[in-house]
C-alpha atoms as a PDB file:
ATOM      1  CA  UNK A   1     159.275 117.767 131.812  1.00  0.00           C
ATOM      2  CA  UNK A   2     161.886 120.337 132.435  1.00  0.00           C
ATOM      3  CA  UNK A   3     163.523 117.883 135.300  1.00  0.00           C
ATOM      4  CA  UNK A   4     163.586 115.252 132.947  1.00  0.00           C
ATOM      5  CA  UNK A   5     165.261 116.899 129.992  1.00  0.00           C
ATOM      6  CA  UNK A   6     167.783 118.283 132.854  1.00  0.00           C
ATOM      7  CA  UNK A   7     168.683 114.925 134.255  1.00  0.00           C
ATOM      8  CA  UNK A   8     168.831 113.648 130.300  1.00  0.00           C
ATOM      9  CA  UNK A   9     171.159 116.586 129.694  1.00  0.00           C
ATOM     10  CA  UNK A  10     173.468 116.069 132.746  1.00  0.00           C
ATOM     11  CA  UNK A  11     173.710 112.012 132.123  1.00  0.00           C
ATOM     12  CA  UNK A  12     174.679 112.943 128.252  1.00  0.00           C
ATOM     13  CA  UNK A  13     177.300 115.404 129.249  1.00  0.00           C
ATOM     14  CA  UNK A  14     178.746 113.512 131.763  1.00  0.00           C
ATOM     15  CA  UNK A  15     178.904 110.185 129.712  1.00  0.00           C
ATOM     16  CA  UNK A  16     180.303 112.158 126.729  1.00  0.00           C
ATOM     17  CA  UNK A  17     183.128 113.762 128.988  1.00  0.00           C
ATOM     18  CA  UNK A  18     183.920 110.295 130.169  1.00  0.00           C
ATOM     19  CA  UNK A  19     184.718 108.818 126.681  1.00  0.00           C
ATOM     20  CA  UNK A  20     188.306 109.514 125.225  1.00  0.00           C
ATOM     21  CA  UNK A  21     188.833 106.380 123.212  1.00  0.00           C
ATOM     22  CA  UNK A  22     189.802 106.555 119.471  1.00  0.00           C
ATOM     23  CA  UNK A  23     186.641 105.206 118.215  1.00  0.00           C
ATOM     24  CA  UNK A  24     185.228 108.862 117.735  1.00  0.00           C
ATOM     25  CA  UNK A  25     187.612 109.282 114.982  1.00  0.00           C
ATOM     26  CA  UNK A  26     186.495 106.475 112.952  1.00  0.00           C
ATOM     27  CA  UNK A  27     184.851 107.333 109.716  1.00  0.00           C
ATOM     28  CA  UNK A  28     181.144 106.775 109.432  1.00  0.00           C
ATOM     29  CA  UNK A  29     179.564 104.680 107.028  1.00  0.00           C
ATOM     30  CA  UNK A  30     176.601 105.902 104.717  1.00  0.00           C
ATOM     31  CA  UNK A  31     174.258 103.199 103.270  1.00  0.00           C
ATOM     32  CA  UNK A  32     170.983 103.700 101.016  1.00  0.00           C
ATOM     33  CA  UNK A  33     168.379 101.320 101.014  1.00  0.00           C
ATOM     34  CA  UNK A  34     164.814 101.239  99.652  1.00  0.00           C
ATOM     35  CA  UNK A  35     161.669  99.218  99.668  1.00  0.00           C
ATOM     36  CA  UNK A  36     158.696  99.111  97.438  1.00  0.00           C
ATOM     37  CA  UNK A  37     155.336  97.052  97.834  1.00  0.00           C
ATOM     38  CA  UNK A  38     152.796  97.137  95.037  1.00  0.00           C
ATOM     39  CA  UNK A  39     149.395  95.591  95.975  1.00  0.00           C
ATOM     40  CA  UNK A  40     145.894  94.252  94.789  1.00  0.00           C
ATOM     41  CA  UNK A  41     142.926  93.660  96.730  1.00  0.00           C
ATOM     42  CA  UNK A  42     139.651  92.181  95.947  1.00  0.00           C
ATOM     43  CA  UNK A  43     136.940  92.563  98.578  1.00  0.00           C
ATOM     44  CA  UNK A  44     133.926  90.120  97.781  1.00  0.00           C
ATOM     45  CA  UNK A  45     131.586  92.466  99.856  1.00  0.00           C
ATOM     46  CA  UNK A  46     132.292  95.287  96.948  1.00  0.00           C
ATOM     47  CA  UNK A  47     132.429  97.941  99.000  1.00  0.00           C
ATOM     48  CA  UNK A  48     130.923 101.290  96.972  1.00  0.00           C
ATOM     49  CA  UNK A  49     134.334 103.257  97.597  1.00  0.00           C
ATOM     50  CA  UNK A  50     137.643 102.229  96.866  1.00  0.00           C
ATOM     51  CA  UNK A  51     139.076 102.867 100.413  1.00  0.00           C
ATOM     52  CA  UNK A  52     137.756  99.777 102.227  1.00  0.00           C
ATOM     53  CA  UNK A  53     137.986  99.644 106.128  1.00  0.00           C
ATOM     54  CA  UNK A  54     138.318 102.754 108.578  1.00  0.00           C
ATOM     55  CA  UNK A  55     140.359 100.534 110.848  1.00  0.00           C
ATOM     56  CA  UNK A  56     143.037  99.313 108.194  1.00  0.00           C
ATOM     57  CA  UNK A  57     145.852 101.451 107.116  1.00  0.00           C
ATOM     58  CA  UNK A  58     147.787  98.921 104.797  1.00  0.00           C
ATOM     59  CA  UNK A  59     146.438  97.513 101.590  1.00  0.00           C
ATOM     60  CA  UNK A  60     143.100  99.152 102.059  1.00  0.00           C
ATOM     61  CA  UNK A  61     142.042  99.588  98.460  1.00  0.00           C
ATOM     62  CA  UNK A  62     139.512  97.395  96.755  1.00  0.00           C
ATOM     63  CA  UNK A  63     139.824  96.311  93.122  1.00  0.00           C
ATOM     64  CA  UNK A  64     143.030  98.357  92.052  1.00  0.00           C
ATOM     65  CA  UNK A  65     146.664  98.022  91.832  1.00  0.00           C
ATOM     66  CA  UNK A  66     148.552 100.405  94.010  1.00  0.00           C
ATOM     67  CA  UNK A  67     151.639 101.099  96.025  1.00  0.00           C
ATOM     68  CA  UNK A  68     151.007 100.417  99.787  1.00  0.00           C
ATOM     69  CA  UNK A  69     154.765 101.579 100.593  1.00  0.00           C
ATOM     70  CA  UNK A  70     157.411 103.315  98.592  1.00  0.00           C
ATOM     71  CA  UNK A  71     160.221 103.784 100.627  1.00  0.00           C
ATOM     72  CA  UNK A  72     163.840 105.650 100.257  1.00  0.00           C
ATOM     73  CA  UNK A  73     166.146 105.572 103.410  1.00  0.00           C
ATOM     74  CA  UNK A  74     169.738 106.735 104.351  1.00  0.00           C
ATOM     75  CA  UNK A  75     171.446 105.558 107.006  1.00  0.00           C
ATOM     76  CA  UNK A  76     174.723 106.896 108.826  1.00  0.00           C
ATOM     77  CA  UNK A  77     176.347 104.217 111.172  1.00  0.00           C
ATOM     78  CA  UNK A  78     179.140 104.845 113.312  1.00  0.00           C
ATOM     79  CA  UNK A  79     180.299 103.151 116.568  1.00  0.00           C
ATOM     80  CA  UNK A  80     179.360 105.962 118.441  1.00  0.00           C
ATOM     81  CA  UNK A  81     176.523 107.744 116.638  1.00  0.00           C
ATOM     82  CA  UNK A  82     173.919 107.175 114.057  1.00  0.00           C
ATOM     83  CA  UNK A  83     171.063 108.715 111.919  1.00  0.00           C
ATOM     84  CA  UNK A  84     168.515 107.763 109.809  1.00  0.00           C
ATOM     85  CA  UNK A  85     166.100 109.920 107.361  1.00  0.00           C
ATOM     86  CA  UNK A  86     163.534 107.983 105.231  1.00  0.00           C
ATOM     87  CA  UNK A  87     160.934 109.256 102.898  1.00  0.00           C
ATOM     88  CA  UNK A  88     157.689 107.545 101.853  1.00  0.00           C
ATOM     89  CA  UNK A  89     154.786 107.430  99.468  1.00  0.00           C
ATOM     90  CA  UNK A  90     151.726 105.111  99.029  1.00  0.00           C
ATOM     91  CA  UNK A  91     148.340 104.359 100.380  1.00  0.00           C
ATOM     92  CA  UNK A  92     149.976 103.546 103.770  1.00  0.00           C
ATOM     93  CA  UNK A  93     151.140 107.069 104.183  1.00  0.00           C
ATOM     94  CA  UNK A  94     147.818 108.638 102.846  1.00  0.00           C
ATOM     95  CA  UNK A  95     145.843 106.740 105.452  1.00  0.00           C
ATOM     96  CA  UNK A  96     148.157 106.620 108.445  1.00  0.00           C
ATOM     97  CA  UNK A  97     149.526 110.058 108.286  1.00  0.00           C
ATOM     98  CA  UNK A  98     146.133 111.675 107.567  1.00  0.00           C
ATOM     99  CA  UNK A  99     146.415 113.697 110.888  1.00  0.00           C
ATOM    100  CA  UNK A 100     150.162 114.981 110.233  1.00  0.00           C
ATOM    101  CA  UNK A 101     150.183 118.549 108.530  1.00  0.00           C
ATOM    102  CA  UNK A 102     151.746 119.090 105.113  1.00  0.00           C
ATOM    103  CA  UNK A 103     155.242 117.466 104.447  1.00  0.00           C
ATOM    104  CA  UNK A 104     155.271 115.709 107.511  1.00  0.00           C
ATOM    105  CA  UNK A 105     153.322 112.977 106.001  1.00  0.00           C
ATOM    106  CA  UNK A 106     156.279 112.062 103.706  1.00  0.00           C
ATOM    107  CA  UNK A 107     158.601 111.475 106.640  1.00  0.00           C
ATOM    108  CA  UNK A 108     158.852 107.674 107.543  1.00  0.00           C
ATOM    109  CA  UNK A 109     161.784 108.029 109.906  1.00  0.00           C
ATOM    110  CA  UNK A 110     164.146 111.007 110.816  1.00  0.00           C
ATOM    111  CA  UNK A 111     166.355 110.431 113.860  1.00  0.00           C
ATOM    112  CA  UNK A 112     169.855 110.966 115.223  1.00  0.00           C
ATOM    113  CA  UNK A 113     171.621 108.722 117.870  1.00  0.00           C
ATOM    114  CA  UNK A 114     174.687 108.964 120.456  1.00  0.00           C
ATOM    115  CA  UNK A 115     176.289 106.241 122.188  1.00  0.00           C
ATOM    116  CA  UNK A 116     176.471 107.462 126.190  1.00  0.00           C
ATOM    117  CA  UNK A 117     179.312 104.945 127.319  1.00  0.00           C
ATOM    118  CA  UNK A 118     182.583 103.363 126.280  1.00  0.00           C
ATOM    119  CA  UNK A 119     180.771  99.787 125.927  1.00  0.00           C
ATOM    120  CA  UNK A 120     177.943 101.343 123.373  1.00  0.00           C
ATOM    121  CA  UNK A 121     175.230  99.544 125.584  1.00  0.00           C
ATOM    122  CA  UNK A 122     173.613 102.822 126.170  1.00  0.00           C
ATOM    123  CA  UNK A 123     172.101 105.173 123.452  1.00  0.00           C
ATOM    124  CA  UNK A 124     170.173 108.377 123.338  1.00  0.00           C
ATOM    125  CA  UNK A 125     168.112 108.744 120.251  1.00  0.00           C
ATOM    126  CA  UNK A 126     165.808 111.550 119.296  1.00  0.00           C
ATOM    127  CA  UNK A 127     163.423 112.324 116.185  1.00  0.00           C
ATOM    128  CA  UNK A 128     160.848 110.436 114.523  1.00  0.00           C
ATOM    129  CA  UNK A 129     161.631 106.688 114.789  1.00  0.00           C
ATOM    130  CA  UNK A 130     159.384 103.394 114.383  1.00  0.00           C
ATOM    131  CA  UNK A 131     157.312 102.570 117.567  1.00  0.00           C
ATOM    132  CA  UNK A 132     158.624 100.361 120.337  1.00  0.00           C
ATOM    133  CA  UNK A 133     155.149  98.784 120.362  1.00  0.00           C
ATOM    134  CA  UNK A 134     153.918  95.837 118.492  1.00  0.00           C
ATOM    135  CA  UNK A 135     155.564  92.897 116.659  1.00  0.00           C
ATOM    136  CA  UNK A 136     154.446  93.771 113.307  1.00  0.00           C
ATOM    137  CA  UNK A 137     156.092  96.871 111.074  1.00  0.00           C
ATOM    138  CA  UNK A 138     155.012  98.967 108.029  1.00  0.00           C
ATOM    139  CA  UNK A 139     157.808  96.899 106.008  1.00  0.00           C
ATOM    140  CA  UNK A 140     155.462  93.822 104.947  1.00  0.00           C
ATOM    141  CA  UNK A 141     157.969  91.487 103.776  1.00  0.00           C
ATOM    142  CA  UNK A 142     159.442  91.812 107.805  1.00  0.00           C
ATOM    143  CA  UNK A 143     156.174  90.312 108.774  1.00  0.00           C
ATOM    144  CA  UNK A 144     154.814  86.883 109.077  1.00  0.00           C
ATOM    145  CA  UNK A 145     151.634  87.475 107.112  1.00  0.00           C
ATOM    146  CA  UNK A 146     150.744  89.990 104.274  1.00  0.00           C
ATOM    147  CA  UNK A 147     148.403  92.158 105.926  1.00  0.00           C
ATOM    148  CA  UNK A 148     148.625  93.499 109.366  1.00  0.00           C
ATOM    149  CA  UNK A 149     146.694  91.986 112.562  1.00  0.00           C
ATOM    150  CA  UNK A 150     143.723  94.516 113.704  1.00  0.00           C
ATOM    151  CA  UNK A 151     145.903  94.616 116.752  1.00  0.00           C
ATOM    152  CA  UNK A 152     149.078  96.122 114.825  1.00  0.00           C
ATOM    153  CA  UNK A 153     146.660  98.406 112.546  1.00  0.00           C
ATOM    154  CA  UNK A 154     145.429 100.210 115.947  1.00  0.00           C
ATOM    155  CA  UNK A 155     148.420 100.609 117.869  1.00  0.00           C
ATOM    156  CA  UNK A 156     151.373 103.180 116.975  1.00  0.00           C
ATOM    157  CA  UNK A 157     153.384 102.404 113.876  1.00  0.00           C
ATOM    158  CA  UNK A 158     155.671 105.410 114.789  1.00  0.00           C
ATOM    159  CA  UNK A 159     156.367 107.863 117.582  1.00  0.00           C
ATOM    160  CA  UNK A 160     158.353 111.214 117.719  1.00  0.00           C
ATOM    161  CA  UNK A 161     160.479 112.218 120.678  1.00  0.00           C
ATOM    162  CA  UNK A 162     163.644 110.870 122.632  1.00  0.00           C
ATOM    163  CA  UNK A 163     164.580 107.435 123.575  1.00  0.00           C
ATOM    164  CA  UNK A 164     167.141 105.982 125.824  1.00  0.00           C
ATOM    165  CA  UNK A 165     168.086 101.984 125.203  1.00  0.00           C
ATOM    166  CA  UNK A 166     170.326 100.110 127.298  1.00  0.00           C
ATOM    167  CA  UNK A 167     171.343  96.623 126.411  1.00  0.00           C
ATOM    168  CA  UNK A 168     173.713  95.115 129.040  1.00  0.00           C
ATOM    169  CA  UNK A 169     174.018  91.973 127.171  1.00  0.00           C
ATOM    170  CA  UNK A 170     172.763  90.224 123.924  1.00  0.00           C
ATOM    171  CA  UNK A 171     170.023  88.995 125.559  1.00  0.00           C
ATOM    172  CA  UNK A 172     168.251  91.924 127.102  1.00  0.00           C
ATOM    173  CA  UNK A 173     167.198  95.127 126.120  1.00  0.00           C
ATOM    174  CA  UNK A 174     165.506  98.107 128.054  1.00  0.00           C
ATOM    175  CA  UNK A 175     164.080 101.478 126.635  1.00  0.00           C
ATOM    176  CA  UNK A 176     162.540 104.366 128.053  1.00  0.00           C
ATOM    177  CA  UNK A 177     160.702 107.037 125.914  1.00  0.00           C
ATOM    178  CA  UNK A 178     159.387 110.454 126.050  1.00  0.00           C
ATOM    179  CA  UNK A 179     157.174 111.298 122.973  1.00  0.00           C
ATOM    180  CA  UNK A 180     154.453 113.560 121.640  1.00  0.00           C
ATOM    181  CA  UNK A 181     151.753 111.166 122.033  1.00  0.00           C
ATOM    182  CA  UNK A 182     149.904 108.265 120.560  1.00  0.00           C
ATOM    183  CA  UNK A 183     151.409 107.984 117.060  1.00  0.00           C
ATOM    184  CA  UNK A 184     151.937 111.845 116.714  1.00  0.00           C
ATOM    185  CA  UNK A 185     154.947 113.606 114.930  1.00  0.00           C
ATOM    186  CA  UNK A 186     153.465 116.779 115.611  1.00  0.00           C
ATOM    187  CA  UNK A 187     151.806 117.149 119.127  1.00  0.00           C
ATOM    188  CA  UNK A 188     147.820 117.609 119.296  1.00  0.00           C
ATOM    189  CA  UNK A 189     146.645 121.146 119.489  1.00  0.00           C
ATOM    190  CA  UNK A 190     145.938 122.436 123.018  1.00  0.00           C
ATOM    191  CA  UNK A 191     148.089 119.232 124.531  1.00  0.00           C
ATOM    192  CA  UNK A 192     150.891 120.520 126.753  1.00  0.00           C
ATOM    193  CA  UNK A 193     151.420 116.941 128.530  1.00  0.00           C
ATOM    194  CA  UNK A 194     154.357 114.747 127.081  1.00  0.00           C
ATOM    195  CA  UNK A 195     153.612 111.008 126.460  1.00  0.00           C
ATOM    196  CA  UNK A 196     155.925 108.172 128.070  1.00  0.00           C
ATOM    197  CA  UNK A 197     156.808 104.713 126.947  1.00  0.00           C
ATOM    198  CA  UNK A 198     159.003 101.877 128.046  1.00  0.00           C
ATOM    199  CA  UNK A 199     159.994  98.631 126.663  1.00  0.00           C
ATOM    200  CA  UNK A 200     161.643  95.413 128.109  1.00  0.00           C
ATOM    201  CA  UNK A 201     162.551  92.795 125.534  1.00  0.00           C
ATOM    202  CA  UNK A 202     164.154  89.223 126.236  1.00  0.00           C
ATOM    203  CA  UNK A 203     166.115  87.071 123.213  1.00  0.00           C
ATOM    204  CA  UNK A 204     167.719  83.713 123.694  1.00  0.00           C
ATOM    205  CA  UNK A 205     169.545  82.105 120.998  1.00  0.00           C
ATOM    206  CA  UNK A 206     167.403  83.505 118.322  1.00  0.00           C
ATOM    207  CA  UNK A 207     164.978  80.796 119.169  1.00  0.00           C
ATOM    208  CA  UNK A 208     162.833  82.968 121.918  1.00  0.00           C
ATOM    209  CA  UNK A 209     161.839  86.402 122.295  1.00  0.00           C
ATOM    210  CA  UNK A 210     159.754  87.920 125.035  1.00  0.00           C
ATOM    211  CA  UNK A 211     158.496  91.518 124.966  1.00  0.00           C
ATOM    212  CA  UNK A 212     156.541  93.925 127.050  1.00  0.00           C
ATOM    213  CA  UNK A 213     155.893  97.405 125.798  1.00  0.00           C
ATOM    214  CA  UNK A 214     153.916 100.064 127.299  1.00  0.00           C
ATOM    215  CA  UNK A 215     152.217 103.673 126.750  1.00  0.00           C
ATOM    216  CA  UNK A 216     151.176 106.220 128.999  1.00  0.00           C
ATOM    217  CA  UNK A 217     149.727 109.749 127.860  1.00  0.00           C
ATOM    218  CA  UNK A 218     146.662 111.247 126.475  1.00  0.00           C
ATOM    219  CA  UNK A 219     145.296 111.871 122.726  1.00  0.00           C
ATOM    220  CA  UNK A 220     143.286 114.967 123.748  1.00  0.00           C
ATOM    221  CA  UNK A 221     143.838 118.520 124.657  1.00  0.00           C
ATOM    222  CA  UNK A 222     144.362 119.769 128.030  1.00  0.00           C
ATOM    223  CA  UNK A 223     140.617 120.769 128.727  1.00  0.00           C
ATOM    224  CA  UNK A 224     139.242 117.295 128.171  1.00  0.00           C
ATOM    225  CA  UNK A 225     142.474 115.392 129.036  1.00  0.00           C
ATOM    226  CA  UNK A 226     141.625 111.442 129.184  1.00  0.00           C
ATOM    227  CA  UNK A 227     144.473 109.383 130.405  1.00  0.00           C
ATOM    228  CA  UNK A 228     145.307 106.535 128.160  1.00  0.00           C
ATOM    229  CA  UNK A 229     147.366 103.331 129.608  1.00  0.00           C
ATOM    230  CA  UNK A 230     148.358 100.571 127.259  1.00  0.00           C
ATOM    231  CA  UNK A 231     150.428  97.294 127.256  1.00  0.00           C
ATOM    232  CA  UNK A 232     151.643  95.110 124.254  1.00  0.00           C
ATOM    233  CA  UNK A 233     152.754  91.760 125.264  1.00  0.00           C
ATOM    234  CA  UNK A 234     154.348  89.222 122.516  1.00  0.00           C
ATOM    235  CA  UNK A 235     156.080  86.108 122.476  1.00  0.00           C
ATOM    236  CA  UNK A 236     157.868  84.509 119.571  1.00  0.00           C
ATOM    237  CA  UNK A 237     159.094  80.878 119.275  1.00  0.00           C
ATOM    238  CA  UNK A 238     161.359  79.213 116.711  1.00  0.00           C
ATOM    239  CA  UNK A 239     160.216  75.940 117.455  1.00  0.00           C
ATOM    240  CA  UNK A 240     162.230  74.274 114.381  1.00  0.00           C
ATOM    241  CA  UNK A 241     164.050  75.001 111.327  1.00  0.00           C
ATOM    242  CA  UNK A 242     160.526  75.261 109.714  1.00  0.00           C
ATOM    243  CA  UNK A 243     158.215  76.542 112.260  1.00  0.00           C
ATOM    244  CA  UNK A 244     157.715  79.909 113.896  1.00  0.00           C
ATOM    245  CA  UNK A 245     154.890  80.789 116.480  1.00  0.00           C
ATOM    246  CA  UNK A 246     153.985  84.277 117.589  1.00  0.00           C
ATOM    247  CA  UNK A 247     151.403  85.102 120.147  1.00  0.00           C
ATOM    248  CA  UNK A 248     150.389  88.710 120.965  1.00  0.00           C
ATOM    249  CA  UNK A 249     147.919  90.495 123.156  1.00  0.00           C
ATOM    250  CA  UNK A 250     147.180  94.331 123.565  1.00  0.00           C
ATOM    251  CA  UNK A 251     145.519  95.626 126.567  1.00  0.00           C
ATOM    252  CA  UNK A 252     144.317  99.245 127.140  1.00  0.00           C
ATOM    253  CA  UNK A 253     142.597 101.492 129.056  1.00  0.00           C
ATOM    254  CA  UNK A 254     141.144 105.075 128.766  1.00  0.00           C
ATOM    255  CA  UNK A 255     139.313 107.293 131.302  1.00  0.00           C
ATOM    256  CA  UNK A 256     135.995 107.846 130.396  1.00  0.00           C
ATOM    257  CA  UNK A 257     135.963 111.617 131.347  1.00  0.00           C
ATOM    258  CA  UNK A 258     138.768 114.073 132.519  1.00  0.00           C
ATOM    259  CA  UNK A 259     139.803 113.058 136.313  1.00  0.00           C
ATOM    260  CA  UNK A 260     137.241 110.086 136.093  1.00  0.00           C
ATOM    261  CA  UNK A 261     138.123 106.637 137.845  1.00  0.00           C
ATOM    262  CA  UNK A 262     136.172 105.116 135.263  1.00  0.00           C
ATOM    263  CA  UNK A 263     137.872 103.329 132.383  1.00  0.00           C
ATOM    264  CA  UNK A 264     136.870 102.058 129.005  1.00  0.00           C
ATOM    265  CA  UNK A 265     138.983  99.026 127.864  1.00  0.00           C
ATOM    266  CA  UNK A 266     139.929  97.538 124.615  1.00  0.00           C
ATOM    267  CA  UNK A 267     141.875  94.238 124.086  1.00  0.00           C
ATOM    268  CA  UNK A 268     143.070  92.023 121.341  1.00  0.00           C
ATOM    269  CA  UNK A 269     144.689  88.499 121.255  1.00  0.00           C
ATOM    270  CA  UNK A 270     146.403  87.216 118.048  1.00  0.00           C
ATOM    271  CA  UNK A 271     148.034  84.010 117.272  1.00  0.00           C
ATOM    272  CA  UNK A 272     150.236  83.438 114.095  1.00  0.00           C
ATOM    273  CA  UNK A 273     152.059  80.510 113.066  1.00  0.00           C
ATOM    274  CA  UNK A 274     154.545  80.242 109.659  1.00  0.00           C
ATOM    275  CA  UNK A 275     155.690  76.841 108.177  1.00  0.00           C
ATOM    276  CA  UNK A 276     158.617  76.879 105.797  1.00  0.00           C
ATOM    277  CA  UNK A 277     157.586  74.451 102.736  1.00  0.00           C
ATOM    278  CA  UNK A 278     161.250  75.021 101.453  1.00  0.00           C
ATOM    279  CA  UNK A 279     163.717  77.542 100.929  1.00  0.00           C
ATOM    280  CA  UNK A 280     161.588  79.561  98.494  1.00  0.00           C
ATOM    281  CA  UNK A 281     158.031  78.760  99.915  1.00  0.00           C
ATOM    282  CA  UNK A 282     156.465  79.122 103.139  1.00  0.00           C
ATOM    283  CA  UNK A 283     152.520  79.332 104.388  1.00  0.00           C
ATOM    284  CA  UNK A 284     151.236  81.174 107.467  1.00  0.00           C
ATOM    285  CA  UNK A 285     148.051  80.930 109.504  1.00  0.00           C
ATOM    286  CA  UNK A 286     146.571  83.716 111.704  1.00  0.00           C
ATOM    287  CA  UNK A 287     143.770  83.632 114.161  1.00  0.00           C
ATOM    288  CA  UNK A 288     142.800  87.253 116.020  1.00  0.00           C
ATOM    289  CA  UNK A 289     140.165  89.024 117.981  1.00  0.00           C
ATOM    290  CA  UNK A 290     139.714  92.762 118.750  1.00  0.00           C
ATOM    291  CA  UNK A 291     137.273  94.292 121.185  1.00  0.00           C
ATOM    292  CA  UNK A 292     136.693  97.921 121.493  1.00  0.00           C
ATOM    293  CA  UNK A 293     133.171  98.189 122.954  1.00  0.00           C
ATOM    294  CA  UNK A 294     133.448 102.071 123.546  1.00  0.00           C
ATOM    295  CA  UNK A 295     135.275 103.087 120.421  1.00  0.00           C
ATOM    296  CA  UNK A 296     138.397 104.389 122.044  1.00  0.00           C
ATOM    297  CA  UNK A 297     140.513 103.317 119.026  1.00  0.00           C
ATOM    298  CA  UNK A 298     138.069 102.091 116.316  1.00  0.00           C
ATOM    299  CA  UNK A 299     135.368 104.391 115.975  1.00  0.00           C
ATOM    300  CA  UNK A 300     132.741 103.231 113.572  1.00  0.00           C
ATOM    301  CA  UNK A 301     130.379 105.770 111.895  1.00  0.00           C
ATOM    302  CA  UNK A 302     127.495 103.586 113.274  1.00  0.00           C
ATOM    303  CA  UNK A 303     128.709 104.243 116.876  1.00  0.00           C
ATOM    304  CA  UNK A 304     128.369 100.248 117.361  1.00  0.00           C
ATOM    305  CA  UNK A 305     130.680  98.148 119.431  1.00  0.00           C
ATOM    306  CA  UNK A 306     133.679  96.852 117.672  1.00  0.00           C
ATOM    307  CA  UNK A 307     133.991  93.179 118.447  1.00  0.00           C
ATOM    308  CA  UNK A 308     135.492  91.316 115.466  1.00  0.00           C
ATOM    309  CA  UNK A 309     137.508  87.942 115.287  1.00  0.00           C
ATOM    310  CA  UNK A 310     139.418  87.042 112.120  1.00  0.00           C
ATOM    311  CA  UNK A 311     141.148  83.945 110.455  1.00  0.00           C
ATOM    312  CA  UNK A 312     143.880  84.432 107.536  1.00  0.00           C
ATOM    313  CA  UNK A 313     145.747  81.969 105.344  1.00  0.00           C
ATOM    314  CA  UNK A 314     149.149  83.228 103.720  1.00  0.00           C
ATOM    315  CA  UNK A 315     151.326  81.877 100.893  1.00  0.00           C
ATOM    316  CA  UNK A 316     154.622  83.319 100.324  1.00  0.00           C
ATOM    317  CA  UNK A 317     156.952  82.820  97.340  1.00  0.00           C
ATOM    318  CA  UNK A 318     160.598  84.036  97.891  1.00  0.00           C
ATOM    319  CA  UNK A 319     162.874  83.295  94.927  1.00  0.00           C
ATOM    320  CA  UNK A 320     165.837  85.396  96.598  1.00  0.00           C
ATOM    321  CA  UNK A 321     166.214  87.044  99.878  1.00  0.00           C
ATOM    322  CA  UNK A 322     165.002  90.494  99.144  1.00  0.00           C
ATOM    323  CA  UNK A 323     162.134  89.928  97.118  1.00  0.00           C
ATOM    324  CA  UNK A 324     158.775  88.063  98.007  1.00  0.00           C
ATOM    325  CA  UNK A 325     155.262  87.419  96.102  1.00  0.00           C
ATOM    326  CA  UNK A 326     152.677  86.911  98.538  1.00  0.00           C
ATOM    327  CA  UNK A 327     148.930  86.012  98.545  1.00  0.00           C
ATOM    328  CA  UNK A 328     146.476  85.801 101.618  1.00  0.00           C
ATOM    329  CA  UNK A 329     143.086  85.203 102.035  1.00  0.00           C
ATOM    330  CA  UNK A 330     141.292  86.680 105.015  1.00  0.00           C
ATOM    331  CA  UNK A 331     137.951  86.783 106.637  1.00  0.00           C
ATOM    332  CA  UNK A 332     136.506  88.720 109.455  1.00  0.00           C
ATOM    333  CA  UNK A 333     133.514  88.373 111.495  1.00  0.00           C
ATOM    334  CA  UNK A 334     131.713  91.100 113.621  1.00  0.00           C
ATOM    335  CA  UNK A 335     128.983  90.785 116.250  1.00  0.00           C
ATOM    336  CA  UNK A 336     127.296  93.691 114.605  1.00  0.00           C
ATOM    337  CA  UNK A 337     126.367  94.863 111.026  1.00  0.00           C
ATOM    338  CA  UNK A 338     129.465  97.062 110.216  1.00  0.00           C
ATOM    339  CA  UNK A 339     130.988  95.665 106.951  1.00  0.00           C
ATOM    340  CA  UNK A 340     129.783  97.469 103.951  1.00  0.00           C
ATOM    341  CA  UNK A 341     128.399  95.515 100.746  1.00  0.00           C
ATOM    342  CA  UNK A 342     126.512  96.355  97.982  1.00  0.00           C
ATOM    343  CA  UNK A 343     123.221  95.795  99.991  1.00  0.00           C
ATOM    344  CA  UNK A 344     124.014  97.685 103.126  1.00  0.00           C
ATOM    345  CA  UNK A 345     125.876  96.601 105.973  1.00  0.00           C
ATOM    346  CA  UNK A 346     126.990  92.929 107.076  1.00  0.00           C
ATOM    347  CA  UNK A 347     128.635  90.837 109.663  1.00  0.00           C
ATOM    348  CA  UNK A 348     131.055  89.248 107.539  1.00  0.00           C
ATOM    349  CA  UNK A 349     133.978  90.370 105.401  1.00  0.00           C
ATOM    350  CA  UNK A 350     136.218  88.107 103.183  1.00  0.00           C
ATOM    351  CA  UNK A 351     138.839  89.339 100.811  1.00  0.00           C
ATOM    352  CA  UNK A 352     141.961  88.353  98.956  1.00  0.00           C
ATOM    353  CA  UNK A 353     145.123  90.305  98.708  1.00  0.00           C
ATOM    354  CA  UNK A 354     148.218  89.850  96.857  1.00  0.00           C
ATOM    355  CA  UNK A 355     151.634  91.929  96.749  1.00  0.00           C
ATOM    356  CA  UNK A 356     155.053  92.164  95.264  1.00  0.00           C
ATOM    357  CA  UNK A 357     157.516  93.357  97.748  1.00  0.00           C
ATOM    358  CA  UNK A 358     160.953  94.060  97.149  1.00  0.00           C
ATOM    359  CA  UNK A 359     164.083  95.476  99.164  1.00  0.00           C
ATOM    360  CA  UNK A 360     166.774  97.647  97.871  1.00  0.00           C
ATOM    361  CA  UNK A 361     170.224  97.037  99.384  1.00  0.00           C
ATOM    362  CA  UNK A 362     168.717  95.055 102.299  1.00  0.00           C
END
C-alpha cells in the first residue's frame, strides 16, 4: 500500500510541475442540484413488516408513502480540478448505509479531483464517490426501470478511496481504484487490506456501450479473511430512436475459508429493453435471474439458497425533462420458500411500485 501511494504521489507531483498553462487561473463554477423520489409500494404478499425484502435497498416499504431518496448536491467544476459534496435522506440511505456509523449515513458523495496532464485526460479523484460497478444508479430517473435489478441492489452503489481515470479519446475510458472495501466508507474493523478495482468502458457514437468492471478485496477482518473476486459486464445498445437494449452479467467468487482454494460462486444475468411510445411516454421490460447458493451476498434468515428469477413491466410519463412519474409491476419467483406472506412463506412475490421523481437544476 505504501508503494502504491508513493507512486501516486510521484506521478501527481511530476504531472503538476509540468503544467504551466493559464487554465489554472480560470474561475471555477459552482452548481447546486437536487433530487427527490417519493414512492408507494403495494406488496400482494402483505408482509407483516413495512420493510419488505432484506435484499432490496430501494423502494423497500409496503403500503406506505415514503421518500426513497432526497438529495442535495454542490458541484465545483474547473478545467483542472473538481469537487462534489452531496447529502441524502430517505429509505435508501436508511437501508443501504446501515453499516456506516453516525453522520456517515447522510453522505451520498464527497470527493475532490485533480487533472494530471495538459490534455485533462488523466484525473485523480479521492473521497466517497459512486461505484464504478454496474449500470443502475441510486438516482431512479436515470435508470431504464423504476426499481433496481437484484444484480444492482447487491453490488456496491458507492465506494471510498482514490481513483485514477484516463480517457485517451471520446470512445475509451480506463479507471483503477484503491478503496476501503465492498461498499464501505469506513473500513471494516480489523481489516488492514485495501481493496482494488478497475473499469474499462468503450462507447461508440452514443449507440453502443461496452463495460467491464472488477473488484478484488475482502469484506472480512484479517483473522478470517476470505478474498472476493468480482466481475460486472454490461452492454447497452441504442437500436433505434425509440428502442434501447441493456444486457448485464455479474460473476463473483469468494473463498470458502481463509487460504482456501475452494470458492463460493454467485452470478446474475439481466436483460432490459425500453421502448419510447412518444416524447413523454415510454415502457420497459426486464427479465433477470440471481443465484447465490452459499449466501455470500444475499443471506436469508432461513439459510436457504437464494435462486430467484424475475420479470417486470414499467410505464413512464415524463412531461418535462427533469420530472417523471413511473409505475412498475414486478414478479419474483424462488426455488425455495423465501418470501413472507400472511400464511408464512411462499415461492412467489408480486408487487406494484409507483414513484414521482424530480430533479432540481439537472
